[in-house]
Amino acid sequence: MRSPIIGPLVVCPTGTLLSQGRQGGEPEPSTMKKNFILDTNVLLHDPRALFAFDDNNVIIPIYVIEEIDQFKRDLSELGRNARQVARFLDGFRSEGTLGDGVKLPEGGLLRVVFTERELPPEMVSGHSTDNRIMAVAIDTRDSYPDTPAIFVTKDANLRIRADALGLKAEDYDAERVEINDLYTGYLELPVPGALVDSLYKNGEADLDLPDHYPNQFVILKDEQNPSHSALAKFSPSRGPNKVVLVLRSSKDGVWGIRPRNMEQTLALDLLLNDEVKLLTIVGKAGTGKTLLAIAAGLQKTMEEQYFQKLLVSRPIFPLGRDIGFLPGSVEEKLNPWMQPIFDNVEFLMNLSRSDKKSGRGYHELMDLGILEIEPLTYIRGRSIPNQYIIVDEAQNLTPHEVKTIVTRVGDNTKIVLTGDPYQIDNPYVDSTNNGLVHVVNRFKKEKIAGHITMTKGERSSLAELAANLL
């Protein structure tokens, strides 16, 4: 005999799960508990999805466990997540029988179920496991008609099939942020001309602006003469409403690099700011985010010696995939993935053709112990103090993977995450729920964090045109 399934979350059109309270008396249809049936990819994406549905019921088809079992020996992020799911479920076994239902911390029930139901022949696909998982979802819906059933999967095609069968299906997006609503890191504000003059004269000024974030920039424009303006930022150490003048770089710049536009000026200010321990830079191809980050990192390690080493990494897509059994050292295996980093370093070194012919290159910095290139796979488990860390292409990371990386940061370490949310190779994330966007949204209120969104390309006129038109 089935135990009753009880499951207040509302699935918004964007897929974000929002908690709703009861109104008293009998629950309204929109506030009654629900049954959430989870697909395999949801748990592989985020093992803590088991706890993400408040006091609703979470139903795991037994076939999901079978699929997860296939990943448990992998040394990838999927393998780690698969093992974590197994540990969570095994831990629940001590509290009851998973087939009958075990109480979740928030009050719902967790069940592992199976079904003998078959899908209509015309809806059967070549993926037998998908068919059985969807059959469990339909069986749950039909067995408990008074309790809404929602099938949660990150597979768009499976959501389409579910819709054709009359089954409510949603994506799992615990932290969706629309790109157009993403915090940019700066704002433009018309002010009296006297305030602009005062800022230039004293280097700082009071600005009564309640809605702002620490380390946020503000472009102050004279109300009467917009060309009379000043570039400033809020400084947490000076007070909540104190803005300080942003000083442009010297004539020599940073390792020969000078900002070409306002956005690069803002980015460089944050890159060189020792009070900012976590920096996110979002920008399309050619905006200079990676080059500026490496230049600032070399400046802080070689010239100022504030950090002991510059550590640069980027995902070997997907994060955690082994670099294989190719011959050679780790560095040689990584060369194809890290070549964009090497190109930027050698550009900053201003090597001539004859220098390159004579064998000079980025490896000189590595031999000196100043520069280190390392895959993200090997960062797990480390504690990294006194280093300037750059994680390029961070848009390919999931929120969980970003957490794994940022929690490696030790004392006196700065970490910079760069990426373009529109260039994502990871099939499990998109422009609204990737790890880079997740960090921007979560850390924008923190005093030790900064962010800048870059939109103006500086690589070349052709690259800028292609980024905008293609």
Protein backbone atom coordinates (compact mmCIF):
# COMPACT_ATOMS: atom_id res chain seq x y z
CA MET A 1 0.00 0.00 0.00
CA ARG A 2 1.27 3.43 -0.91
CA SER A 3 1.96 5.83 1.90
CA PRO A 4 0.33 9.23 1.37
CA ILE A 5 2.52 11.70 -0.47
CA ILE A 6 2.33 15.18 0.91
CA GLY A 7 4.24 18.08 -0.97
CA PRO A 8 4.41 25.21 -0.22
CA LEU A 9 6.58 25.95 -3.26
CA VAL A 10 5.37 27.73 -6.34
CA VAL A 11 7.29 27.20 -9.54
CA CYS A 12 7.63 30.58 -11.19
CA PRO A 13 7.67 30.94 -15.00
CA THR A 14 11.43 31.41 -14.82
CA GLY A 15 11.81 28.14 -12.97
CA THR A 16 12.86 29.68 -9.65
CA LEU A 17 11.33 27.96 -6.64
CA LEU A 18 9.70 30.38 -4.22
CA SER A 19 8.25 29.53 -0.82
CA GLN A 20 4.64 30.42 -0.09
CA GLY A 21 2.84 30.47 3.29
CA ARG A 22 -0.57 29.09 4.20
CA GLN A 23 -3.56 31.39 4.39
CA GLY A 24 -5.45 29.53 7.16
CA GLY A 25 -8.26 27.02 6.78
CA GLU A 26 -8.11 24.74 3.77
CA PRO A 27 -5.08 25.35 1.55
CA GLU A 28 -5.63 27.13 -1.70
CA PRO A 29 -4.59 25.24 -4.86
CA SER A 30 -1.59 27.57 -5.27
CA THR A 31 -0.36 27.03 -1.68
CA MET A 32 -1.03 23.31 -1.10
CA LYS A 33 1.85 20.93 -0.84
CA LYS A 34 3.25 19.42 -4.00
CA ASN A 35 5.03 16.33 -5.21
CA PHE A 36 8.32 17.09 -6.96
CA ILE A 37 9.67 14.20 -9.03
CA LEU A 38 13.38 14.73 -9.72
CA ASP A 39 15.26 13.63 -12.82
CA THR A 40 18.82 12.29 -12.68
CA ASN A 41 20.42 15.43 -14.13
CA VAL A 42 18.99 17.56 -11.32
CA LEU A 43 20.82 15.59 -8.64
CA LEU A 44 24.02 15.38 -10.68
CA HIS A 45 23.84 19.16 -11.12
CA ASP A 46 23.17 19.85 -7.42
CA PRO A 47 23.09 17.02 -4.85
CA ARG A 48 21.49 19.41 -2.34
CA ALA A 49 18.42 19.63 -4.57
CA LEU A 50 17.01 17.01 -2.19
CA PHE A 51 16.65 19.82 0.36
CA ALA A 52 15.60 22.64 -1.99
CA PHE A 53 11.82 22.19 -1.93
CA ASP A 54 10.91 23.36 1.58
CA ASP A 55 8.10 21.25 3.12
CA ASN A 56 7.01 19.67 -0.15
CA ASN A 57 7.58 16.02 -1.07
CA VAL A 58 10.61 14.93 -3.07
CA ILE A 59 10.18 11.75 -5.09
CA ILE A 60 13.18 9.95 -6.57
CA PRO A 61 12.39 7.25 -9.17
CA ILE A 62 14.48 4.13 -8.51
CA TYR A 63 15.72 4.41 -12.08
CA VAL A 64 17.41 7.70 -11.17
CA ILE A 65 19.43 5.81 -8.54
CA GLU A 66 20.46 3.30 -11.21
CA GLU A 67 21.67 6.09 -13.51
CA ILE A 68 23.53 7.87 -10.72
CA ASP A 69 25.25 4.60 -9.84
CA GLN A 70 26.93 4.66 -13.27
CA PHE A 71 28.80 7.86 -12.32
CA LYS A 72 29.96 6.96 -8.82
CA ARG A 73 33.46 5.88 -9.87
CA ASP A 74 34.12 8.90 -12.06
CA LEU A 75 36.82 11.32 -10.91
CA SER A 76 34.87 14.20 -12.39
CA GLU A 77 32.50 16.65 -10.73
CA LEU A 78 29.61 14.43 -11.84
CA GLY A 79 31.24 11.52 -10.02
CA ARG A 80 31.63 13.54 -6.84
CA ASN A 81 28.03 14.67 -7.02
CA ALA A 82 26.86 11.10 -7.61
CA ARG A 83 28.69 9.91 -4.51
CA GLN A 84 27.26 12.79 -2.48
CA VAL A 85 23.71 11.89 -3.54
CA ALA A 86 24.33 8.31 -2.47
CA ARG A 87 25.63 9.47 0.92
CA PHE A 88 22.59 11.69 1.46
CA LEU A 89 20.15 8.90 0.61
CA ASP A 90 22.04 6.34 2.68
CA GLY A 91 21.94 8.72 5.62
CA PHE A 92 18.15 8.97 5.34
CA ARG A 93 17.88 5.19 5.60
CA SER A 94 18.74 5.40 9.29
CA GLU A 95 15.61 7.50 9.83
CA GLY A 96 13.12 5.24 8.10
CA THR A 97 12.28 3.32 4.96
CA LEU A 98 12.80 5.27 1.76
CA GLY A 99 10.00 3.34 0.08
CA ASP A 100 7.48 4.45 2.69
CA GLY A 101 8.87 7.96 3.02
CA VAL A 102 11.44 9.65 5.24
CA LYS A 103 10.81 13.09 6.71
CA LEU A 104 12.96 15.88 5.28
CA PRO A 105 14.38 18.63 7.53
CA GLU A 106 11.82 21.17 6.26
CA GLY A 107 8.85 18.85 6.85
CA GLY A 108 8.18 17.13 3.53
CA LEU A 109 8.70 13.47 2.69
CA LEU A 110 11.48 11.92 0.64
CA ARG A 111 10.57 8.73 -1.20
CA VAL A 112 12.31 6.41 -3.63
CA VAL A 113 9.65 4.75 -5.81
CA PHE A 114 9.17 2.56 -8.87
CA THR A 115 6.22 1.81 -11.12
CA GLU A 116 4.96 -0.88 -13.47
CA ARG A 117 3.19 1.71 -15.56
CA GLU A 118 4.04 1.98 -19.23
CA LEU A 119 3.96 5.10 -21.40
CA PRO A 120 1.65 5.21 -24.45
CA PRO A 121 3.48 3.50 -27.34
CA GLU A 122 3.54 6.69 -29.39
CA MET A 123 5.36 8.51 -26.57
CA VAL A 124 8.04 5.90 -25.99
CA SER A 125 11.53 7.06 -26.98
CA GLY A 126 14.74 5.14 -27.47
CA HIS A 127 15.89 6.16 -23.99
CA SER A 128 14.34 3.48 -21.80
CA THR A 129 15.43 5.07 -18.52
CA ASP A 130 13.83 8.38 -19.46
CA ASN A 131 10.62 6.51 -20.26
CA ARG A 132 10.55 4.83 -16.86
CA ILE A 133 11.36 8.03 -14.98
CA MET A 134 8.56 9.85 -16.77
CA ALA A 135 6.21 6.93 -16.09
CA VAL A 136 6.87 7.36 -12.37
CA ALA A 137 6.00 11.05 -12.67
CA ILE A 138 2.73 10.30 -14.48
CA ASP A 139 1.87 7.53 -12.03
CA THR A 140 2.45 9.92 -9.13
CA ARG A 141 0.21 12.53 -10.73
CA ASP A 142 -2.62 10.04 -11.38
CA SER A 143 -2.34 8.24 -8.02
CA TYR A 144 -2.63 11.45 -6.02
CA PRO A 145 -4.92 13.73 -8.04
CA ASP A 146 -5.44 16.15 -5.14
CA THR A 147 -1.72 16.86 -4.85
CA PRO A 148 -0.04 18.73 -7.73
CA ALA A 149 2.79 16.77 -9.31
CA ILE A 150 5.73 18.59 -10.90
CA PHE A 151 8.43 16.82 -12.87
CA VAL A 152 11.77 18.63 -12.42
CA THR A 153 14.43 18.07 -15.09
CA LYS A 154 17.20 20.02 -16.76
CA ASP A 155 16.60 18.16 -20.02
CA ALA A 156 14.65 20.52 -22.31
CA ASN A 157 13.54 17.69 -24.61
CA LEU A 158 12.21 15.71 -21.67
CA ARG A 159 10.24 18.76 -20.50
CA ILE A 160 8.69 18.96 -23.96
CA ARG A 161 7.72 15.27 -23.87
CA ALA A 162 6.24 15.73 -20.39
CA ASP A 163 4.17 18.66 -21.59
CA ALA A 164 2.82 16.56 -24.46
CA LEU A 165 1.69 13.98 -21.91
CA GLY A 166 -0.10 16.63 -19.84
CA LEU A 167 2.51 16.51 -17.08
CA LYS A 168 3.67 19.71 -15.39
CA ALA A 169 7.44 20.01 -15.93
CA GLU A 170 9.94 22.65 -14.87
CA ASP A 171 13.66 23.31 -15.02
CA TYR A 172 15.67 23.30 -11.80
CA ASP A 173 17.06 26.78 -11.34
CA ALA A 174 17.66 27.62 -7.70
CA GLU A 175 19.61 30.78 -8.56
CA ARG A 176 18.36 32.18 -11.86
CA VAL A 177 19.35 35.76 -12.65
CA GLU A 178 18.33 37.26 -15.97
CA ILE A 179 21.33 38.78 -17.75
CA ASN A 180 19.52 42.05 -18.42
CA ASP A 181 18.94 42.39 -14.66
CA LEU A 182 22.51 41.49 -13.69
CA TYR A 183 24.27 43.97 -11.43
CA THR A 184 26.68 46.00 -13.59
CA GLY A 185 28.88 47.41 -10.85
CA TYR A 186 28.30 51.07 -11.76
CA LEU A 187 25.56 53.63 -12.24
CA GLU A 188 25.20 57.10 -13.75
CA LEU A 189 23.90 59.97 -11.64
CA PRO A 190 23.19 63.66 -12.42
CA VAL A 191 24.47 65.93 -9.63
CA PRO A 192 25.11 69.66 -9.08
CA GLY A 193 28.29 70.86 -10.73
CA ALA A 194 29.62 71.99 -7.34
CA LEU A 195 29.72 68.36 -6.18
CA VAL A 196 31.85 67.37 -9.16
CA ASP A 197 34.24 70.26 -8.44
CA SER A 198 34.41 69.30 -4.77
CA LEU A 199 35.25 65.72 -5.68
CA TYR A 200 38.14 66.80 -7.91
CA LYS A 201 39.37 69.24 -5.27
CA ASN A 202 39.22 66.99 -2.20
CA GLY A 203 39.40 63.53 -3.76
CA GLU A 204 36.25 62.48 -1.93
CA ALA A 205 32.73 63.70 -1.25
CA ASP A 206 29.53 62.71 0.53
CA LEU A 207 26.77 61.38 -1.70
CA ASP A 208 23.37 60.64 -0.21
CA LEU A 209 22.36 57.64 -2.26
CA PRO A 210 20.64 54.94 -0.17
CA ASP A 211 20.43 52.23 -2.83
CA HIS A 212 23.98 51.24 -3.63
CA TYR A 213 26.48 48.49 -2.94
CA PRO A 214 30.02 48.48 -1.52
CA ASN A 215 32.71 49.15 -4.16
CA GLN A 216 30.06 50.24 -6.65
CA PHE A 217 31.16 52.91 -9.10
CA VAL A 218 29.17 56.02 -9.90
CA ILE A 219 29.55 58.36 -12.86
CA LEU A 220 28.70 61.83 -11.58
CA LYS A 221 27.56 64.18 -14.33
CA ASP A 222 26.95 67.90 -13.97
CA GLU A 223 23.22 68.52 -14.34
CA GLN A 224 23.89 71.66 -16.39
CA ASN A 225 26.90 70.42 -18.34
CA PRO A 226 27.00 66.60 -18.79
CA SER A 227 30.51 66.75 -20.25
CA HIS A 228 31.66 68.00 -16.84
CA SER A 229 31.79 64.66 -14.98
CA ALA A 230 33.77 62.60 -12.53
CA LEU A 231 34.35 58.91 -12.06
CA ALA A 232 34.04 57.81 -8.44
CA LYS A 233 33.21 54.78 -6.34
CA PHE A 234 31.74 54.06 -2.94
CA SER A 235 34.39 53.11 -0.42
CA PRO A 236 33.27 50.83 2.44
CA SER A 237 36.25 51.88 4.56
CA ARG A 238 35.32 55.59 4.32
CA GLY A 239 31.65 55.26 5.24
CA PRO A 240 28.40 54.11 3.61
CA ASN A 241 27.79 57.31 1.61
CA LYS A 242 31.35 58.38 0.91
CA VAL A 243 32.55 58.36 -2.70
CA VAL A 244 36.19 58.67 -3.66
CA LEU A 245 37.66 59.79 -6.95
CA VAL A 246 38.84 56.96 -9.19
CA LEU A 247 42.43 57.71 -10.15
CA ARG A 248 43.32 56.80 -13.69
CA SER A 249 46.42 54.71 -14.28
CA SER A 250 49.80 56.29 -14.78
CA LYS A 251 51.22 57.04 -18.20
CA ASP A 252 53.08 53.72 -18.20
CA GLY A 253 49.97 51.83 -17.10
CA VAL A 254 50.20 48.34 -15.64
CA TRP A 255 52.76 46.18 -17.39
CA GLY A 256 52.43 48.48 -20.37
CA ILE A 257 48.64 48.19 -20.42
CA ARG A 258 46.54 51.32 -20.04
CA PRO A 259 42.73 51.29 -19.94
CA ARG A 260 41.16 52.24 -23.24
CA ASN A 261 37.69 53.04 -21.95
CA MET A 262 35.72 53.76 -18.82
CA GLU A 263 34.87 50.13 -18.11
CA GLN A 264 38.50 49.05 -18.30
CA THR A 265 39.41 51.89 -15.93
CA LEU A 266 36.87 50.61 -13.40
CA ALA A 267 38.01 47.01 -13.80
CA LEU A 268 41.68 47.93 -13.33
CA ASP A 269 40.85 49.92 -10.18
CA LEU A 270 39.23 46.84 -8.62
CA LEU A 271 41.96 44.51 -9.87
CA LEU A 272 44.61 46.57 -8.08
CA ASN A 273 42.54 47.17 -4.93
CA ASP A 274 43.92 45.03 -2.10
CA GLU A 275 40.73 45.47 -0.05
CA VAL A 276 38.72 43.62 -2.73
CA LYS A 277 39.35 39.92 -2.19
CA LEU A 278 36.78 38.60 -4.65
CA LEU A 279 36.28 40.22 -8.04
CA THR A 280 33.98 39.19 -10.86
CA ILE A 281 34.38 40.57 -14.38
CA VAL A 282 31.67 39.80 -16.91
CA GLY A 283 32.18 40.79 -20.52
CA LYS A 284 31.84 39.64 -24.09
CA ALA A 285 34.79 38.53 -26.18
CA GLY A 286 37.40 41.20 -26.76
CA THR A 287 36.57 43.51 -23.87
CA GLY A 288 39.99 42.92 -22.30
CA LYS A 289 38.86 41.22 -19.09
CA THR A 290 41.46 38.43 -19.15
CA LEU A 291 44.35 40.61 -20.31
CA LEU A 292 43.69 43.22 -17.63
CA ALA A 293 43.37 40.55 -14.95
CA ILE A 294 46.72 38.98 -15.85
CA ALA A 295 48.44 42.37 -16.11
CA ALA A 296 47.16 43.34 -12.65
CA GLY A 297 48.17 39.95 -11.27
CA LEU A 298 51.72 40.32 -12.58
CA GLN A 299 51.85 43.86 -11.21
CA LYS A 300 50.84 42.72 -7.71
CA THR A 301 53.18 39.72 -7.69
CA MET A 302 56.32 40.83 -9.57
CA GLU A 303 56.41 44.60 -9.15
CA GLU A 304 54.72 45.20 -5.81
CA GLN A 305 55.38 41.69 -4.41
CA TYR A 306 52.13 41.88 -2.47
CA PHE A 307 51.35 38.28 -3.45
CA GLN A 308 53.78 35.39 -3.71
CA LYS A 309 52.46 33.92 -6.92
CA LEU A 310 49.99 34.39 -9.78
CA LEU A 311 47.83 31.29 -10.21
CA VAL A 312 45.82 31.12 -13.43
CA SER A 313 43.27 28.42 -14.22
CA ARG A 314 40.32 27.76 -16.44
CA PRO A 315 37.85 24.88 -16.69
CA ILE A 316 38.84 21.89 -18.78
CA PHE A 317 35.28 21.49 -19.88
CA PRO A 318 33.46 20.12 -18.09
CA LEU A 319 35.10 20.85 -14.76
CA GLY A 320 36.91 17.82 -13.47
CA ARG A 321 37.21 15.92 -16.77
CA ASP A 322 40.51 14.12 -16.70
CA ILE A 323 43.15 15.55 -19.05
CA GLY A 324 43.64 12.03 -20.29
CA PHE A 325 46.47 9.64 -20.92
CA LEU A 326 48.25 11.77 -23.47
CA PRO A 327 52.04 11.66 -23.20
CA GLY A 328 53.84 14.49 -21.53
CA SER A 329 53.67 16.47 -18.33
CA VAL A 330 50.58 18.11 -16.91
CA GLU A 331 51.74 21.40 -18.42
CA GLU A 332 52.07 19.85 -21.88
CA LYS A 333 48.63 18.28 -21.63
CA LEU A 334 47.16 21.62 -20.59
CA ASN A 335 48.74 23.65 -23.38
CA PRO A 336 45.73 23.50 -25.76
CA TRP A 337 43.40 24.64 -22.99
CA MET A 338 45.67 27.30 -21.55
CA GLN A 339 47.01 28.77 -24.80
CA PRO A 340 44.84 31.92 -24.52
CA ILE A 341 46.47 32.58 -21.14
CA PHE A 342 49.95 32.01 -22.56
CA ASP A 343 49.19 34.38 -25.46
CA ASN A 344 48.17 37.14 -23.06
CA VAL A 345 51.25 36.65 -20.85
CA GLU A 346 53.63 36.80 -23.82
CA PHE A 347 51.83 39.88 -25.12
CA LEU A 348 52.42 41.57 -21.77
CA MET A 349 56.07 40.50 -21.84
CA ASN A 350 56.35 42.45 -25.12
CA LEU A 351 58.46 39.76 -26.73
CA SER A 352 59.86 40.46 -30.17
CA ARG A 353 60.03 37.87 -32.93
CA SER A 354 63.71 37.33 -32.24
CA ASP A 355 62.95 36.84 -28.53
CA LYS A 356 60.49 34.09 -29.37
CA LYS A 357 62.93 32.48 -31.78
CA SER A 358 65.52 32.38 -29.05
CA GLY A 359 63.11 30.47 -26.82
CA ARG A 360 61.88 33.22 -24.54
CA GLY A 361 58.28 33.00 -23.38
CA TYR A 362 55.81 32.58 -20.56
CA HIS A 363 57.79 29.65 -19.17
CA GLU A 364 60.37 32.12 -17.84
CA LEU A 365 57.82 33.36 -15.31
CA MET A 366 56.88 29.80 -14.44
CA ASP A 367 60.55 28.86 -13.90
CA LEU A 368 60.89 31.82 -11.53
CA GLY A 369 57.92 30.57 -9.52
CA ILE A 370 55.92 33.72 -10.25
CA LEU A 371 53.33 32.20 -12.58
CA GLU A 372 51.52 28.90 -12.09
CA ILE A 373 49.06 27.28 -14.48
CA GLU A 374 46.84 24.64 -12.93
CA PRO A 375 43.62 22.85 -13.91
CA LEU A 376 40.66 23.48 -11.65
CA THR A 377 40.48 19.75 -10.94
CA TYR A 378 43.64 19.96 -8.82
CA ILE A 379 42.51 22.99 -6.81
CA ARG A 380 39.96 20.93 -4.87
CA GLY A 381 41.17 20.18 -1.36
CA ARG A 382 43.89 22.82 -1.36
CA SER A 383 44.28 25.88 0.81
CA ILE A 384 45.83 28.66 -1.26
CA PRO A 385 47.31 31.58 0.74
CA ASN A 386 49.18 34.68 -0.47
CA GLN A 387 48.30 34.25 -4.13
CA TYR A 388 46.56 36.18 -6.88
CA ILE A 389 44.14 33.69 -8.48
CA ILE A 390 42.50 34.17 -11.86
CA VAL A 391 39.78 31.75 -12.99
CA ASP A 392 39.06 32.39 -16.65
CA GLU A 393 35.93 31.17 -18.49
CA ALA A 394 34.11 30.93 -15.14
CA GLN A 395 30.73 31.00 -16.91
CA ASN A 396 31.16 27.25 -17.55
CA LEU A 397 31.08 26.49 -13.83
CA THR A 398 28.00 25.53 -11.85
CA PRO A 399 27.22 27.39 -8.59
CA HIS A 400 28.40 24.34 -6.65
CA GLU A 401 31.71 24.24 -8.54
CA VAL A 402 32.32 27.94 -7.92
CA LYS A 403 31.72 27.39 -4.22
CA THR A 404 34.30 24.61 -4.27
CA ILE A 405 36.86 26.94 -5.85
CA VAL A 406 36.25 30.09 -3.80
CA THR A 407 36.38 28.14 -0.54
CA ARG A 408 40.00 27.20 -1.39
CA VAL A 409 41.11 30.81 -0.87
CA GLY A 410 43.50 31.24 2.06
CA ASP A 411 44.80 34.27 3.93
CA ASN A 412 45.89 37.27 1.86
CA THR A 413 44.65 35.74 -1.40
CA LYS A 414 42.64 37.54 -4.06
CA ILE A 415 40.51 35.65 -6.57
CA VAL A 416 39.28 37.05 -9.87
CA LEU A 417 36.54 35.29 -11.87
CA THR A 418 36.17 36.31 -15.51
CA GLY A 419 33.83 35.10 -18.21
CA ASP A 420 31.13 35.70 -20.79
CA PRO A 421 27.68 34.32 -19.84
CA TYR A 422 26.75 34.19 -23.53
CA GLN A 423 29.56 31.75 -24.38
CA ILE A 424 28.71 28.66 -22.36
CA ASP A 425 29.82 25.15 -23.27
CA ASN A 426 28.43 23.37 -20.22
CA PRO A 427 25.03 21.78 -21.08
CA TYR A 428 23.92 21.89 -17.44
CA VAL A 429 24.06 25.69 -17.06
CA ASP A 430 22.95 28.67 -19.12
CA SER A 431 23.39 32.44 -19.10
CA THR A 432 21.04 32.86 -16.13
CA ASN A 433 22.16 30.19 -13.66
CA ASN A 434 25.89 29.64 -14.17
CA GLY A 435 28.41 29.95 -11.35
CA LEU A 436 29.78 33.32 -12.47
CA VAL A 437 26.38 35.02 -12.47
CA HIS A 438 25.59 33.25 -9.18
CA VAL A 439 28.65 34.81 -7.49
CA VAL A 440 27.85 38.28 -8.85
CA ASN A 441 24.36 38.12 -7.41
CA ARG A 442 25.37 36.66 -4.04
CA PHE A 443 28.41 38.87 -3.31
CA LYS A 444 27.29 42.29 -4.54
CA LYS A 445 26.43 43.39 -0.97
CA GLU A 446 29.76 42.30 0.53
CA LYS A 447 32.50 44.82 1.38
CA ILE A 448 35.33 42.56 0.22
CA ALA A 449 33.77 41.91 -3.19
CA GLY A 450 33.57 43.92 -6.39
CA HIS A 451 32.10 43.52 -9.85
CA ILE A 452 32.25 45.16 -13.23
CA THR A 453 30.37 44.40 -16.44
CA MET A 454 32.30 45.23 -19.62
CA THR A 455 30.48 45.77 -22.90
CA LYS A 456 32.87 47.70 -25.16
CA GLY A 457 35.18 45.51 -27.20
CA GLU A 458 38.78 46.65 -27.73
CA ARG A 459 40.35 43.65 -29.47
CA SER A 460 39.77 45.00 -32.95
CA SER A 461 37.04 46.72 -34.93
CA LEU A 462 36.25 43.41 -36.68
CA ALA A 463 36.04 41.47 -33.40
CA GLU A 464 33.76 44.14 -31.92
CA LEU A 465 31.52 44.06 -34.97
CA ALA A 466 31.37 40.25 -34.94
CA ALA A 467 30.50 40.18 -31.22
CA ASN A 468 27.59 42.52 -31.83
CA LEU A 469 26.27 41.15 -35.13
CA LEU A 470 26.83 37.40 -35.01
